[in-house]
PDB file of all heavy atoms in Angstrom:
ATOM      1  N   GLY A   1       9.254  10.428   1.161  1.00  0.00           N
ATOM      2  CA  GLY A   1       8.950  10.965  -0.161  1.00  0.00           C
ATOM      3  C   GLY A   1       7.580  10.518  -0.626  1.00  0.00           C
ATOM      4  O   GLY A   1       6.572  10.702   0.067  1.00  0.00           O
ATOM      5  N   ASP A   2       7.531   9.888  -1.809  1.00  0.00           N
ATOM      6  CA  ASP A   2       6.266   9.423  -2.373  1.00  0.00           C
ATOM      7  C   ASP A   2       5.899   8.032  -1.857  1.00  0.00           C
ATOM      8  O   ASP A   2       4.832   7.512  -2.153  1.00  0.00           O
ATOM      9  CB  ASP A   2       6.357   9.408  -3.904  1.00  0.00           C
ATOM     10  CG  ASP A   2       4.982   9.450  -4.561  1.00  0.00           C
ATOM     11  OD1 ASP A   2       4.097  10.160  -4.045  1.00  0.00           O
ATOM     12  OD2 ASP A   2       4.794   8.760  -5.581  1.00  0.00           O
ATOM     13  N   ALA A   3       6.805   7.418  -1.100  1.00  0.00           N
ATOM     14  CA  ALA A   3       6.549   6.085  -0.557  1.00  0.00           C
ATOM     15  C   ALA A   3       5.736   6.188   0.723  1.00  0.00           C
ATOM     16  O   ALA A   3       5.817   7.175   1.455  1.00  0.00           O
ATOM     17  CB  ALA A   3       7.861   5.369  -0.294  1.00  0.00           C
ATOM     18  N   LEU A   4       4.922   5.162   1.002  1.00  0.00           N
ATOM     19  CA  LEU A   4       4.151   5.124   2.235  1.00  0.00           C
ATOM     20  C   LEU A   4       4.048   3.681   2.700  1.00  0.00           C
ATOM     21  O   LEU A   4       4.371   2.745   1.956  1.00  0.00           O
ATOM     22  CB  LEU A   4       2.760   5.707   2.034  1.00  0.00           C
ATOM     23  CG  LEU A   4       1.708   4.843   1.316  1.00  0.00           C
ATOM     24  CD1 LEU A   4       0.320   5.256   1.747  1.00  0.00           C
ATOM     25  CD2 LEU A   4       1.847   4.959  -0.188  1.00  0.00           C
ATOM     26  N   ALA A   5       3.595   3.500   3.909  1.00  0.00           N
ATOM     27  CA  ALA A   5       3.404   2.155   4.464  1.00  0.00           C
ATOM     28  C   ALA A   5       2.042   2.093   5.126  1.00  0.00           C
ATOM     29  O   ALA A   5       1.606   3.035   5.797  1.00  0.00           O
ATOM     30  CB  ALA A   5       4.500   1.828   5.457  1.00  0.00           C
ATOM     31  N   VAL A   6       1.344   0.977   4.934  1.00  0.00           N
ATOM     32  CA  VAL A   6       0.026   0.748   5.499  1.00  0.00           C
ATOM     33  C   VAL A   6       0.055  -0.572   6.257  1.00  0.00           C
ATOM     34  O   VAL A   6       0.554  -1.581   5.733  1.00  0.00           O
ATOM     35  CB  VAL A   6      -1.043   0.702   4.383  1.00  0.00           C
ATOM     36  CG1 VAL A   6      -2.377   0.214   4.923  1.00  0.00           C
ATOM     37  CG2 VAL A   6      -1.213   2.072   3.741  1.00  0.00           C
ATOM     38  N   VAL A   7      -0.489  -0.592   7.454  1.00  0.00           N
ATOM     39  CA  VAL A   7      -0.572  -1.818   8.249  1.00  0.00           C
ATOM     40  C   VAL A   7      -2.021  -2.301   8.217  1.00  0.00           C
ATOM     41  O   VAL A   7      -2.947  -1.575   8.600  1.00  0.00           O
ATOM     42  CB  VAL A   7      -0.122  -1.580   9.701  1.00  0.00           C
ATOM     43  CG1 VAL A   7      -0.260  -2.872  10.508  1.00  0.00           C
ATOM     44  CG2 VAL A   7       1.310  -1.085   9.733  1.00  0.00           C
ATOM     45  N   THR A   8      -2.219  -3.534   7.756  1.00  0.00           N
ATOM     46  CA  THR A   8      -3.562  -4.090   7.608  1.00  0.00           C
ATOM     47  C   THR A   8      -4.086  -4.603   8.947  1.00  0.00           C
ATOM     48  O   THR A   8      -3.345  -4.723   9.930  1.00  0.00           O
ATOM     49  CB  THR A   8      -3.552  -5.248   6.595  1.00  0.00           C
ATOM     50  OG1 THR A   8      -2.867  -6.371   7.182  1.00  0.00           O
ATOM     51  CG2 THR A   8      -2.863  -4.848   5.304  1.00  0.00           C
ATOM     52  N   SER A   9      -5.367  -4.947   8.954  1.00  0.00           N
ATOM     53  CA  SER A   9      -5.971  -5.501  10.176  1.00  0.00           C
ATOM     54  C   SER A   9      -5.363  -6.848  10.523  1.00  0.00           C
ATOM     55  O   SER A   9      -5.421  -7.286  11.677  1.00  0.00           O
ATOM     56  CB  SER A   9      -7.488  -5.646   9.985  1.00  0.00           C
ATOM     57  OG  SER A   9      -7.779  -6.520   8.903  1.00  0.00           O
ATOM     58  N   GLY A  10      -4.773  -7.524   9.532  1.00  0.00           N
ATOM     59  CA  GLY A  10      -4.111  -8.803   9.781  1.00  0.00           C
ATOM     60  C   GLY A  10      -2.677  -8.661  10.240  1.00  0.00           C
ATOM     61  O   GLY A  10      -2.009  -9.662  10.512  1.00  0.00           O
ATOM     62  N   GLY A  11      -2.189  -7.410  10.315  1.00  0.00           N
ATOM     63  CA  GLY A  11      -0.847  -7.170  10.817  1.00  0.00           C
ATOM     64  C   GLY A  11       0.233  -7.073   9.763  1.00  0.00           C
ATOM     65  O   GLY A  11       1.404  -6.833  10.091  1.00  0.00           O
ATOM     66  N   GLN A  12      -0.098  -7.220   8.483  1.00  0.00           N
ATOM     67  CA  GLN A  12       0.919  -7.109   7.436  1.00  0.00           C
ATOM     68  C   GLN A  12       1.224  -5.636   7.149  1.00  0.00           C
ATOM     69  O   GLN A  12       0.306  -4.811   7.102  1.00  0.00           O
ATOM     70  CB  GLN A  12       0.463  -7.787   6.131  1.00  0.00           C
ATOM     71  CG  GLN A  12       0.190  -9.276   6.262  1.00  0.00           C
ATOM     72  CD  GLN A  12      -1.288  -9.548   6.440  1.00  0.00           C
ATOM     73  OE1 GLN A  12      -2.026  -8.723   6.973  1.00  0.00           O
ATOM     74  NE2 GLN A  12      -1.731 -10.721   6.004  1.00  0.00           N
ATOM     75  N   THR A  13       2.487  -5.338   6.932  1.00  0.00           N
ATOM     76  CA  THR A  13       2.893  -4.007   6.500  1.00  0.00           C
ATOM     77  C   THR A  13       3.080  -4.016   4.991  1.00  0.00           C
ATOM     78  O   THR A  13       3.857  -4.822   4.457  1.00  0.00           O
ATOM     79  CB  THR A  13       4.204  -3.577   7.178  1.00  0.00           C
ATOM     80  OG1 THR A  13       4.016  -3.577   8.592  1.00  0.00           O
ATOM     81  CG2 THR A  13       4.611  -2.183   6.719  1.00  0.00           C
ATOM     82  N   VAL A  14       2.343  -3.139   4.313  1.00  0.00           N
ATOM     83  CA  VAL A  14       2.384  -3.068   2.861  1.00  0.00           C
ATOM     84  C   VAL A  14       2.959  -1.716   2.471  1.00  0.00           C
ATOM     85  O   VAL A  14       2.416  -0.672   2.835  1.00  0.00           O
ATOM     86  CB  VAL A  14       0.985  -3.242   2.242  1.00  0.00           C
ATOM     87  CG1 VAL A  14       1.078  -3.251   0.715  1.00  0.00           C
ATOM     88  CG2 VAL A  14       0.324  -4.515   2.743  1.00  0.00           C
ATOM     89  N   TYR A  15       4.058  -1.740   1.739  1.00  0.00           N
ATOM     90  CA  TYR A  15       4.682  -0.512   1.254  1.00  0.00           C
ATOM     91  C   TYR A  15       4.133  -0.197  -0.131  1.00  0.00           C
ATOM     92  O   TYR A  15       3.958  -1.090  -0.970  1.00  0.00           O
ATOM     93  CB  TYR A  15       6.198  -0.669   1.198  1.00  0.00           C
ATOM     94  CG  TYR A  15       6.856  -0.737   2.558  1.00  0.00           C
ATOM     95  CD1 TYR A  15       6.988  -1.954   3.222  1.00  0.00           C
ATOM     96  CD2 TYR A  15       7.312   0.418   3.190  1.00  0.00           C
ATOM     97  CE1 TYR A  15       7.571  -2.022   4.488  1.00  0.00           C
ATOM     98  CE2 TYR A  15       7.896   0.363   4.449  1.00  0.00           C
ATOM     99  CZ  TYR A  15       8.020  -0.859   5.087  1.00  0.00           C
ATOM    100  OH  TYR A  15       8.594  -0.908   6.334  1.00  0.00           O
ATOM    101  N   GLY A  16       3.861   1.084  -0.367  1.00  0.00           N
ATOM    102  CA  GLY A  16       3.300   1.485  -1.649  1.00  0.00           C
ATOM    103  C   GLY A  16       3.739   2.873  -2.040  1.00  0.00           C
ATOM    104  O   GLY A  16       4.672   3.438  -1.467  1.00  0.00           O
ATOM    105  N   THR A  17       3.043   3.439  -3.046  1.00  0.00           N
ATOM    106  CA  THR A  17       3.341   4.788  -3.526  1.00  0.00           C
ATOM    107  C   THR A  17       2.097   5.651  -3.407  1.00  0.00           C
ATOM    108  O   THR A  17       0.984   5.206  -3.721  1.00  0.00           O
ATOM    109  CB  THR A  17       3.834   4.758  -4.980  1.00  0.00           C
ATOM    110  OG1 THR A  17       3.996   6.090  -5.447  1.00  0.00           O
ATOM    111  CG2 THR A  17       2.851   4.057  -5.901  1.00  0.00           C
ATOM    112  N   SER A  18       2.285   6.894  -2.940  1.00  0.00           N
ATOM    113  CA  SER A  18       1.137   7.785  -2.738  1.00  0.00           C
ATOM    114  C   SER A  18       0.718   8.482  -4.022  1.00  0.00           C
ATOM    115  O   SER A  18      -0.379   9.022  -4.108  1.00  0.00           O
ATOM    116  CB  SER A  18       1.464   8.826  -1.681  1.00  0.00           C
ATOM    117  OG  SER A  18       2.498   9.685  -2.134  1.00  0.00           O
ATOM    118  N   HIS A  19       1.586   8.502  -5.040  1.00  0.00           N
ATOM    119  CA  HIS A  19       1.299   9.167  -6.316  1.00  0.00           C
ATOM    120  C   HIS A  19       0.872  10.618  -6.073  1.00  0.00           C
ATOM    121  O   HIS A  19       0.001  11.155  -6.773  1.00  0.00           O
ATOM    122  CB  HIS A  19       0.225   8.402  -7.087  1.00  0.00           C
ATOM    123  CG  HIS A  19       0.140   8.761  -8.540  1.00  0.00           C
ATOM    124  ND1 HIS A  19       1.225   8.764  -9.378  1.00  0.00           N
ATOM    125  CD2 HIS A  19      -0.912   9.161  -9.319  1.00  0.00           C
ATOM    126  CE1 HIS A  19       0.865   9.130 -10.588  1.00  0.00           C
ATOM    127  NE2 HIS A  19      -0.421   9.381 -10.581  1.00  0.00           N
ATOM    128  N   GLY A  20       1.497  11.231  -5.070  1.00  0.00           N
ATOM    129  CA  GLY A  20       1.201  12.628  -4.768  1.00  0.00           C
ATOM    130  C   GLY A  20      -0.082  12.867  -4.015  1.00  0.00           C
ATOM    131  O   GLY A  20      -0.483  14.013  -3.810  1.00  0.00           O
ATOM    132  N   ARG A  21      -0.752  11.793  -3.579  1.00  0.00           N
ATOM    133  CA  ARG A  21      -2.023  11.941  -2.883  1.00  0.00           C
ATOM    134  C   ARG A  21      -1.805  12.014  -1.368  1.00  0.00           C
ATOM    135  O   ARG A  21      -0.865  11.442  -0.849  1.00  0.00           O
ATOM    136  CB  ARG A  21      -2.949  10.775  -3.243  1.00  0.00           C
ATOM    137  CG  ARG A  21      -3.317  10.794  -4.724  1.00  0.00           C
ATOM    138  CD  ARG A  21      -3.862   9.488  -5.225  1.00  0.00           C
ATOM    139  NE  ARG A  21      -4.052   9.535  -6.680  1.00  0.00           N
ATOM    140  CZ  ARG A  21      -4.273   8.476  -7.446  1.00  0.00           C
ATOM    141  NH1 ARG A  21      -4.331   7.264  -6.918  1.00  0.00           N
ATOM    142  NH2 ARG A  21      -4.416   8.621  -8.750  1.00  0.00           N
ATOM    143  N   ALA A  22      -2.714  12.698  -0.706  1.00  0.00           N
ATOM    144  CA  ALA A  22      -2.578  12.916   0.734  1.00  0.00           C
ATOM    145  C   ALA A  22      -2.691  11.604   1.497  1.00  0.00           C
ATOM    146  O   ALA A  22      -3.509  10.727   1.162  1.00  0.00           O
ATOM    147  CB  ALA A  22      -3.641  13.891   1.210  1.00  0.00           C
ATOM    148  N   THR A  23      -1.852  11.435   2.517  1.00  0.00           N
ATOM    149  CA  THR A  23      -1.854  10.214   3.325  1.00  0.00           C
ATOM    150  C   THR A  23      -2.033  10.574   4.790  1.00  0.00           C
ATOM    151  O   THR A  23      -1.275  11.351   5.350  1.00  0.00           O
ATOM    152  CB  THR A  23      -0.527   9.449   3.155  1.00  0.00           C
ATOM    153  OG1 THR A  23       0.552  10.305   3.535  1.00  0.00           O
ATOM    154  CG2 THR A  23      -0.329   9.019   1.721  1.00  0.00           C
ATOM    155  N   ALA A  24      -3.064   9.982   5.388  1.00  0.00           N
ATOM    156  CA  ALA A  24      -3.318  10.187   6.811  1.00  0.00           C
ATOM    157  C   ALA A  24      -4.384   9.197   7.259  1.00  0.00           C
ATOM    158  O   ALA A  24      -5.317   8.892   6.508  1.00  0.00           O
ATOM    159  CB  ALA A  24      -3.771  11.614   7.097  1.00  0.00           C
ATOM    160  N   GLY A  25      -4.248   8.696   8.481  1.00  0.00           N
ATOM    161  CA  GLY A  25      -5.270   7.823   9.050  1.00  0.00           C
ATOM    162  C   GLY A  25      -5.424   6.523   8.285  1.00  0.00           C
ATOM    163  O   GLY A  25      -4.460   5.823   7.989  1.00  0.00           O
ATOM    164  N   GLU A  26      -6.670   6.202   7.913  1.00  0.00           N
ATOM    165  CA  GLU A  26      -6.959   4.981   7.162  1.00  0.00           C
ATOM    166  C   GLU A  26      -6.717   5.208   5.672  1.00  0.00           C
ATOM    167  O   GLU A  26      -6.916   6.309   5.161  1.00  0.00           O
ATOM    168  CB  GLU A  26      -8.406   4.545   7.392  1.00  0.00           C
ATOM    169  CG  GLU A  26      -8.728   4.207   8.837  1.00  0.00           C
ATOM    170  CD  GLU A  26      -7.939   3.016   9.344  1.00  0.00           C
ATOM    171  OE1 GLU A  26      -7.896   1.999   8.639  1.00  0.00           O
ATOM    172  OE2 GLU A  26      -7.353   3.112  10.439  1.00  0.00           O
ATOM    173  N   ALA A  27      -6.293   4.159   4.997  1.00  0.00           N
ATOM    174  CA  ALA A  27      -5.990   4.283   3.568  1.00  0.00           C
ATOM    175  C   ALA A  27      -6.343   2.991   2.853  1.00  0.00           C
ATOM    176  O   ALA A  27      -6.501   1.931   3.475  1.00  0.00           O
ATOM    177  CB  ALA A  27      -4.518   4.614   3.360  1.00  0.00           C
ATOM    178  N   CYS A  28      -6.480   3.095   1.536  1.00  0.00           N
ATOM    179  CA  CYS A  28      -6.748   1.928   0.696  1.00  0.00           C
ATOM    180  C   CYS A  28      -5.751   1.915  -0.454  1.00  0.00           C
ATOM    181  O   CYS A  28      -5.566   2.924  -1.143  1.00  0.00           O
ATOM    182  CB  CYS A  28      -8.180   1.966   0.154  1.00  0.00           C
ATOM    183  SG  CYS A  28      -8.630   0.521  -0.851  1.00  0.00           S
ATOM    184  N   LEU A  29      -5.097   0.771  -0.648  1.00  0.00           N
ATOM    185  CA  LEU A  29      -4.149   0.587  -1.741  1.00  0.00           C
ATOM    186  C   LEU A  29      -4.751  -0.319  -2.801  1.00  0.00           C
ATOM    187  O   LEU A  29      -5.465  -1.280  -2.485  1.00  0.00           O
ATOM    188  CB  LEU A  29      -2.844  -0.043  -1.238  1.00  0.00           C
ATOM    189  CG  LEU A  29      -2.041   0.733  -0.194  1.00  0.00           C
ATOM    190  CD1 LEU A  29      -0.867  -0.112   0.289  1.00  0.00           C
ATOM    191  CD2 LEU A  29      -1.560   2.053  -0.758  1.00  0.00           C
ATOM    192  N   SER A  30      -4.461  -0.019  -4.053  1.00  0.00           N
ATOM    193  CA  SER A  30      -4.867  -0.864  -5.176  1.00  0.00           C
ATOM    194  C   SER A  30      -3.651  -1.619  -5.695  1.00  0.00           C
ATOM    195  O   SER A  30      -2.606  -1.015  -5.967  1.00  0.00           O
ATOM    196  CB  SER A  30      -5.460  -0.008  -6.298  1.00  0.00           C
ATOM    197  OG  SER A  30      -5.583  -0.758  -7.498  1.00  0.00           O
ATOM    198  N   VAL A  31      -3.798  -2.944  -5.822  1.00  0.00           N
ATOM    199  CA  VAL A  31      -2.714  -3.771  -6.364  1.00  0.00           C
ATOM    200  C   VAL A  31      -3.300  -4.655  -7.464  1.00  0.00           C
ATOM    201  O   VAL A  31      -4.176  -5.490  -7.192  1.00  0.00           O
ATOM    202  CB  VAL A  31      -2.052  -4.659  -5.288  1.00  0.00           C
ATOM    203  CG1 VAL A  31      -0.828  -5.366  -5.870  1.00  0.00           C
ATOM    204  CG2 VAL A  31      -1.669  -3.842  -4.065  1.00  0.00           C
ATOM    205  N   ARG A  32      -2.864  -4.440  -8.703  1.00  0.00           N
ATOM    206  CA  ARG A  32      -3.341  -5.260  -9.811  1.00  0.00           C
ATOM    207  C   ARG A  32      -2.955  -6.726  -9.586  1.00  0.00           C
ATOM    208  O   ARG A  32      -1.842  -7.036  -9.133  1.00  0.00           O
ATOM    209  CB  ARG A  32      -2.732  -4.795 -11.131  1.00  0.00           C
ATOM    210  CG  ARG A  32      -3.126  -3.382 -11.524  1.00  0.00           C
ATOM    211  CD  ARG A  32      -4.525  -3.339 -12.050  1.00  0.00           C
ATOM    212  NE  ARG A  32      -4.960  -1.976 -12.367  1.00  0.00           N
ATOM    213  CZ  ARG A  32      -6.190  -1.558 -12.249  1.00  0.00           C
ATOM    214  NH1 ARG A  32      -7.121  -2.383 -11.807  1.00  0.00           N
ATOM    215  NH2 ARG A  32      -6.523  -0.322 -12.558  1.00  0.00           N
ATOM    216  N   ALA A  33      -3.878  -7.629  -9.944  1.00  0.00           N
ATOM    217  CA  ALA A  33      -3.622  -9.060  -9.763  1.00  0.00           C
ATOM    218  C   ALA A  33      -2.390  -9.521 -10.540  1.00  0.00           C
ATOM    219  O   ALA A  33      -1.697 -10.448 -10.116  1.00  0.00           O
ATOM    220  CB  ALA A  33      -4.852  -9.859 -10.198  1.00  0.00           C
ATOM    221  N   VAL A  34      -2.101  -8.861 -11.673  1.00  0.00           N
ATOM    222  CA  VAL A  34      -0.960  -9.285 -12.499  1.00  0.00           C
ATOM    223  C   VAL A  34       0.373  -8.838 -11.918  1.00  0.00           C
ATOM    224  O   VAL A  34       1.427  -9.291 -12.364  1.00  0.00           O
ATOM    225  CB  VAL A  34      -1.089  -8.749 -13.946  1.00  0.00           C
ATOM    226  CG1 VAL A  34      -2.298  -9.355 -14.631  1.00  0.00           C
ATOM    227  CG2 VAL A  34      -1.153  -7.223 -13.960  1.00  0.00           C
ATOM    228  N   HIS A  35       0.361  -7.947 -10.936  1.00  0.00           N
ATOM    229  CA  HIS A  35       1.612  -7.430 -10.382  1.00  0.00           C
ATOM    230  C   HIS A  35       2.140  -8.255  -9.216  1.00  0.00           C
ATOM    231  O   HIS A  35       3.296  -8.106  -8.835  1.00  0.00           O
ATOM    232  CB  HIS A  35       1.429  -5.973  -9.954  1.00  0.00           C
ATOM    233  CG  HIS A  35       1.310  -5.030 -11.104  1.00  0.00           C
ATOM    234  ND1 HIS A  35       0.583  -3.856 -11.049  1.00  0.00           N
ATOM    235  CD2 HIS A  35       1.821  -5.089 -12.358  1.00  0.00           C
ATOM    236  CE1 HIS A  35       0.655  -3.243 -12.228  1.00  0.00           C
ATOM    237  NE2 HIS A  35       1.394  -3.962 -13.026  1.00  0.00           N
ATOM    238  N   PHE A  36       1.306  -9.116  -8.635  1.00  0.00           N
ATOM    239  CA  PHE A  36       1.786 -10.008  -7.593  1.00  0.00           C
ATOM    240  C   PHE A  36       2.637 -11.126  -8.202  1.00  0.00           C
ATOM    241  O   PHE A  36       2.415 -11.556  -9.337  1.00  0.00           O
ATOM    242  CB  PHE A  36       0.617 -10.656  -6.857  1.00  0.00           C
ATOM    243  CG  PHE A  36       0.021  -9.804  -5.770  1.00  0.00           C
ATOM    244  CD1 PHE A  36      -1.300  -9.406  -5.838  1.00  0.00           C
ATOM    245  CD2 PHE A  36       0.768  -9.432  -4.667  1.00  0.00           C
ATOM    246  CE1 PHE A  36      -1.865  -8.636  -4.838  1.00  0.00           C
ATOM    247  CE2 PHE A  36       0.224  -8.661  -3.657  1.00  0.00           C
ATOM    248  CZ  PHE A  36      -1.096  -8.261  -3.739  1.00  0.00           C
ATOM    249  N   SER A  37       3.592 -11.600  -7.432  1.00  0.00           N
ATOM    250  CA  SER A  37       4.395 -12.765  -7.822  1.00  0.00           C
ATOM    251  C   SER A  37       4.207 -13.863  -6.790  1.00  0.00           C
ATOM    252  O   SER A  37       4.145 -13.593  -5.582  1.00  0.00           O
ATOM    253  CB  SER A  37       5.884 -12.407  -7.912  1.00  0.00           C
ATOM    254  OG  SER A  37       6.122 -11.508  -8.962  1.00  0.00           O
ATOM    255  N   LEU A  38       4.131 -15.097  -7.271  1.00  0.00           N
ATOM    256  CA  LEU A  38       4.049 -16.272  -6.407  1.00  0.00           C
ATOM    257  C   LEU A  38       5.272 -17.144  -6.644  1.00  0.00           C
ATOM    258  O   LEU A  38       5.611 -17.439  -7.796  1.00  0.00           O
ATOM    259  CB  LEU A  38       2.796 -17.091  -6.712  1.00  0.00           C
ATOM    260  CG  LEU A  38       1.450 -16.624  -6.165  1.00  0.00           C
ATOM    261  CD1 LEU A  38       0.371 -17.633  -6.532  1.00  0.00           C
ATOM    262  CD2 LEU A  38       1.498 -16.430  -4.668  1.00  0.00           C
ATOM    263  N   THR A  39       5.932 -17.547  -5.577  1.00  0.00           N
ATOM    264  CA  THR A  39       7.113 -18.418  -5.695  1.00  0.00           C
ATOM    265  C   THR A  39       7.084 -19.464  -4.583  1.00  0.00           C
ATOM    266  O   THR A  39       6.463 -19.259  -3.526  1.00  0.00           O
ATOM    267  CB  THR A  39       8.423 -17.616  -5.593  1.00  0.00           C
ATOM    268  OG1 THR A  39       8.417 -16.856  -4.373  1.00  0.00           O
ATOM    269  CG2 THR A  39       8.567 -16.666  -6.783  1.00  0.00           C
TER     270      THR A  39
END
């Protein structure tokens, strides 16, 4: 659906939302600093 997954050069898989935008090949995700959690 609107969900997508991106694998970074460091090997992490990051799941995100496409917001209806086209997804193919290389991609860039934006993550606000306030949305991360540290525990």
